[in-house]
Amino acid sequence: MTEETWASGIGAYRAEIDGIDEKVIEAIALRFAAARKIAELKSKWEKPVVQTERALQVEQSYIELGSNFSLSKDFMSRLYHLIHEETCRVEADIVHLQQQIEGHGEEIG
């Protein structure tokens, strides 16, 4: 095997990974868009950002889906927690902003 063969072979796989990564990031962005809508509802209905029962259900779902693709339970749990942590931060920011807007509306009106 020559260096040229190596570079050509690995280049094709890296291009494949780059394309997959783009889809993963797009999917995560769509997930956060949905989370923003949920945050608006939580704010309107004065619900807490973190709903423990739902969080546990989603983590379990990640683990089960991951096992279908031979992904480790530990990895899927860590991935879930990373995404969940950022989702909570995004939702909390939106809830806080909505509360500020509503608070100013009452002062003005």
C-alpha atoms as a PDB file:
ATOM      1  CA  MET A   1       0.000   0.000   0.000  1.00  0.00           C
ATOM      2  CA  THR A   2       1.361   3.403  -0.961  1.00  0.00           C
ATOM      3  CA  GLU A   3       0.934   6.725   0.808  1.00  0.00           C
ATOM      4  CA  GLU A   4      -1.272   7.810  -2.095  1.00  0.00           C
ATOM      5  CA  THR A   5      -3.564   4.815  -1.571  1.00  0.00           C
ATOM      6  CA  TRP A   6      -3.657   5.546   2.160  1.00  0.00           C
ATOM      7  CA  ALA A   7      -4.485   9.232   1.618  1.00  0.00           C
ATOM      8  CA  SER A   8      -7.155   8.420  -0.935  1.00  0.00           C
ATOM      9  CA  GLY A   9      -8.789   5.786   1.270  1.00  0.00           C
ATOM     10  CA  ILE A  10      -8.787   7.800   4.454  1.00  0.00           C
ATOM     11  CA  GLY A  11      -9.870  10.928   2.585  1.00  0.00           C
ATOM     12  CA  ALA A  12     -13.031   9.202   1.393  1.00  0.00           C
ATOM     13  CA  TYR A  13     -13.897   8.057   4.910  1.00  0.00           C
ATOM     14  CA  ARG A  14     -13.180  11.489   6.346  1.00  0.00           C
ATOM     15  CA  ALA A  15     -15.485  13.066   3.752  1.00  0.00           C
ATOM     16  CA  GLU A  16     -18.155  10.560   4.768  1.00  0.00           C
ATOM     17  CA  ILE A  17     -17.691  11.477   8.436  1.00  0.00           C
ATOM     18  CA  ASP A  18     -17.839  15.200   7.602  1.00  0.00           C
ATOM     19  CA  GLY A  19     -21.173  14.683   5.838  1.00  0.00           C
ATOM     20  CA  ILE A  20     -22.554  12.682   8.757  1.00  0.00           C
ATOM     21  CA  ASP A  21     -21.336  15.309  11.249  1.00  0.00           C
ATOM     22  CA  GLU A  22     -23.176  17.988   9.292  1.00  0.00           C
ATOM     23  CA  LYS A  23     -26.400  15.964   9.577  1.00  0.00           C
ATOM     24  CA  VAL A  24     -25.839  15.390  13.309  1.00  0.00           C
ATOM     25  CA  ILE A  25     -25.354  19.116  13.916  1.00  0.00           C
ATOM     26  CA  GLU A  26     -28.411  19.950  11.815  1.00  0.00           C
ATOM     27  CA  ALA A  27     -30.460  17.451  13.857  1.00  0.00           C
ATOM     28  CA  ILE A  28     -29.218  18.971  17.117  1.00  0.00           C
ATOM     29  CA  ALA A  29     -30.130  22.452  15.854  1.00  0.00           C
ATOM     30  CA  LEU A  30     -33.647  21.208  15.061  1.00  0.00           C
ATOM     31  CA  ARG A  31     -33.869  19.735  18.547  1.00  0.00           C
ATOM     32  CA  PHE A  32     -32.955  23.079  20.080  1.00  0.00           C
ATOM     33  CA  ALA A  33     -35.535  24.845  17.915  1.00  0.00           C
ATOM     34  CA  ALA A  34     -38.185  22.522  19.359  1.00  0.00           C
ATOM     35  CA  ALA A  35     -36.817  23.118  22.871  1.00  0.00           C
ATOM     36  CA  ARG A  36     -37.221  26.872  22.378  1.00  0.00           C
ATOM     37  CA  LYS A  37     -40.907  26.343  21.582  1.00  0.00           C
ATOM     38  CA  ILE A  38     -41.253  24.186  24.687  1.00  0.00           C
ATOM     39  CA  ALA A  39     -39.562  26.911  26.754  1.00  0.00           C
ATOM     40  CA  GLU A  40     -42.124  29.435  25.565  1.00  0.00           C
ATOM     41  CA  LEU A  41     -44.931  27.120  26.685  1.00  0.00           C
ATOM     42  CA  LYS A  42     -43.231  26.449  30.015  1.00  0.00           C
ATOM     43  CA  SER A  43     -42.938  30.179  30.558  1.00  0.00           C
ATOM     44  CA  LYS A  44     -46.570  30.796  29.621  1.00  0.00           C
ATOM     45  CA  TRP A  45     -47.802  28.032  31.902  1.00  0.00           C
ATOM     46  CA  GLU A  46     -45.235  28.793  34.635  1.00  0.00           C
ATOM     47  CA  LYS A  47     -43.774  25.297  34.535  1.00  0.00           C
ATOM     48  CA  PRO A  48     -40.234  24.473  35.675  1.00  0.00           C
ATOM     49  CA  VAL A  49     -37.514  24.163  33.051  1.00  0.00           C
ATOM     50  CA  VAL A  50     -36.404  20.775  34.382  1.00  0.00           C
ATOM     51  CA  GLN A  51     -39.094  18.126  34.605  1.00  0.00           C
ATOM     52  CA  THR A  52     -37.330  15.200  36.229  1.00  0.00           C
ATOM     53  CA  GLU A  53     -39.667  12.424  35.105  1.00  0.00           C
ATOM     54  CA  ARG A  54     -39.418  13.526  31.463  1.00  0.00           C
ATOM     55  CA  ALA A  55     -35.634  13.872  31.724  1.00  0.00           C
ATOM     56  CA  LEU A  56     -35.318  10.307  33.004  1.00  0.00           C
ATOM     57  CA  GLN A  57     -37.571   9.029  30.202  1.00  0.00           C
ATOM     58  CA  VAL A  58     -35.501  10.771  27.537  1.00  0.00           C
ATOM     59  CA  GLU A  59     -32.209   9.520  28.980  1.00  0.00           C
ATOM     60  CA  GLN A  60     -33.568   5.972  28.963  1.00  0.00           C
ATOM     61  CA  SER A  61     -34.707   6.467  25.371  1.00  0.00           C
ATOM     62  CA  TYR A  62     -31.188   7.568  24.377  1.00  0.00           C
ATOM     63  CA  ILE A  63     -29.716   4.485  26.028  1.00  0.00           C
ATOM     64  CA  GLU A  64     -32.202   2.138  24.354  1.00  0.00           C
ATOM     65  CA  LEU A  65     -31.799   3.730  20.927  1.00  0.00           C
ATOM     66  CA  GLY A  66     -28.034   3.642  21.305  1.00  0.00           C
ATOM     67  CA  SER A  67     -28.074  -0.034  22.207  1.00  0.00           C
ATOM     68  CA  ASN A  68     -29.886  -0.717  18.916  1.00  0.00           C
ATOM     69  CA  PHE A  69     -26.755   0.585  17.181  1.00  0.00           C
ATOM     70  CA  SER A  70     -24.216  -1.037  19.534  1.00  0.00           C
ATOM     71  CA  LEU A  71     -23.428   2.269  21.256  1.00  0.00           C
ATOM     72  CA  SER A  72     -22.459   1.966  24.905  1.00  0.00           C
ATOM     73  CA  LYS A  73     -24.852   2.877  27.677  1.00  0.00           C
ATOM     74  CA  ASP A  74     -22.205   5.140  29.227  1.00  0.00           C
ATOM     75  CA  PHE A  75     -21.645   7.042  25.987  1.00  0.00           C
ATOM     76  CA  MET A  76     -25.364   7.516  25.364  1.00  0.00           C
ATOM     77  CA  SER A  77     -25.930   8.694  28.938  1.00  0.00           C
ATOM     78  CA  ARG A  78     -23.073  11.197  28.675  1.00  0.00           C
ATOM     79  CA  LEU A  79     -24.362  12.407  25.297  1.00  0.00           C
ATOM     80  CA  TYR A  80     -27.852  12.845  26.724  1.00  0.00           C
ATOM     81  CA  HIS A  81     -26.574  14.802  29.733  1.00  0.00           C
ATOM     82  CA  LEU A  82     -24.497  17.096  27.538  1.00  0.00           C
ATOM     83  CA  ILE A  83     -27.455  17.872  25.288  1.00  0.00           C
ATOM     84  CA  HIS A  84     -29.865  18.120  28.232  1.00  0.00           C
ATOM     85  CA  GLU A  85     -27.602  20.558  30.087  1.00  0.00           C
ATOM     86  CA  GLU A  86     -27.463  22.885  27.087  1.00  0.00           C
ATOM     87  CA  THR A  87     -31.203  22.498  26.469  1.00  0.00           C
ATOM     88  CA  CYS A  88     -31.899  23.556  30.060  1.00  0.00           C
ATOM     89  CA  ARG A  89     -29.614  26.565  29.668  1.00  0.00           C
ATOM     90  CA  VAL A  90     -31.395  27.617  26.458  1.00  0.00           C
ATOM     91  CA  GLU A  91     -34.841  27.097  27.995  1.00  0.00           C
ATOM     92  CA  ALA A  92     -33.917  28.976  31.181  1.00  0.00           C
ATOM     93  CA  ASP A  93     -32.673  31.926  29.113  1.00  0.00           C
ATOM     94  CA  ILE A  94     -35.953  32.020  27.193  1.00  0.00           C
ATOM     95  CA  VAL A  95     -38.094  31.707  30.325  1.00  0.00           C
ATOM     96  CA  HIS A  96     -36.095  34.479  31.990  1.00  0.00           C
ATOM     97  CA  LEU A  97     -36.451  36.725  28.938  1.00  0.00           C
ATOM     98  CA  GLN A  98     -40.200  36.081  28.750  1.00  0.00           C
ATOM     99  CA  GLN A  99     -40.548  36.941  32.437  1.00  0.00           C
ATOM    100  CA  GLN A 100     -38.665  40.200  31.883  1.00  0.00           C
ATOM    101  CA  ILE A 101     -40.861  41.092  28.914  1.00  0.00           C
ATOM    102  CA  GLU A 102     -44.042  40.303  30.833  1.00  0.00           C
ATOM    103  CA  GLY A 103     -42.764  42.245  33.839  1.00  0.00           C
ATOM    104  CA  HIS A 104     -42.088  45.331  31.704  1.00  0.00           C
ATOM    105  CA  GLY A 105     -45.470  44.997  30.043  1.00  0.00           C
ATOM    106  CA  GLU A 106     -47.204  45.224  33.411  1.00  0.00           C
ATOM    107  CA  GLU A 107     -45.214  48.325  34.382  1.00  0.00           C
ATOM    108  CA  ILE A 108     -45.953  50.082  31.092  1.00  0.00           C
ATOM    109  CA  GLY A 109     -49.655  49.151  30.866  1.00  0.00           C
END
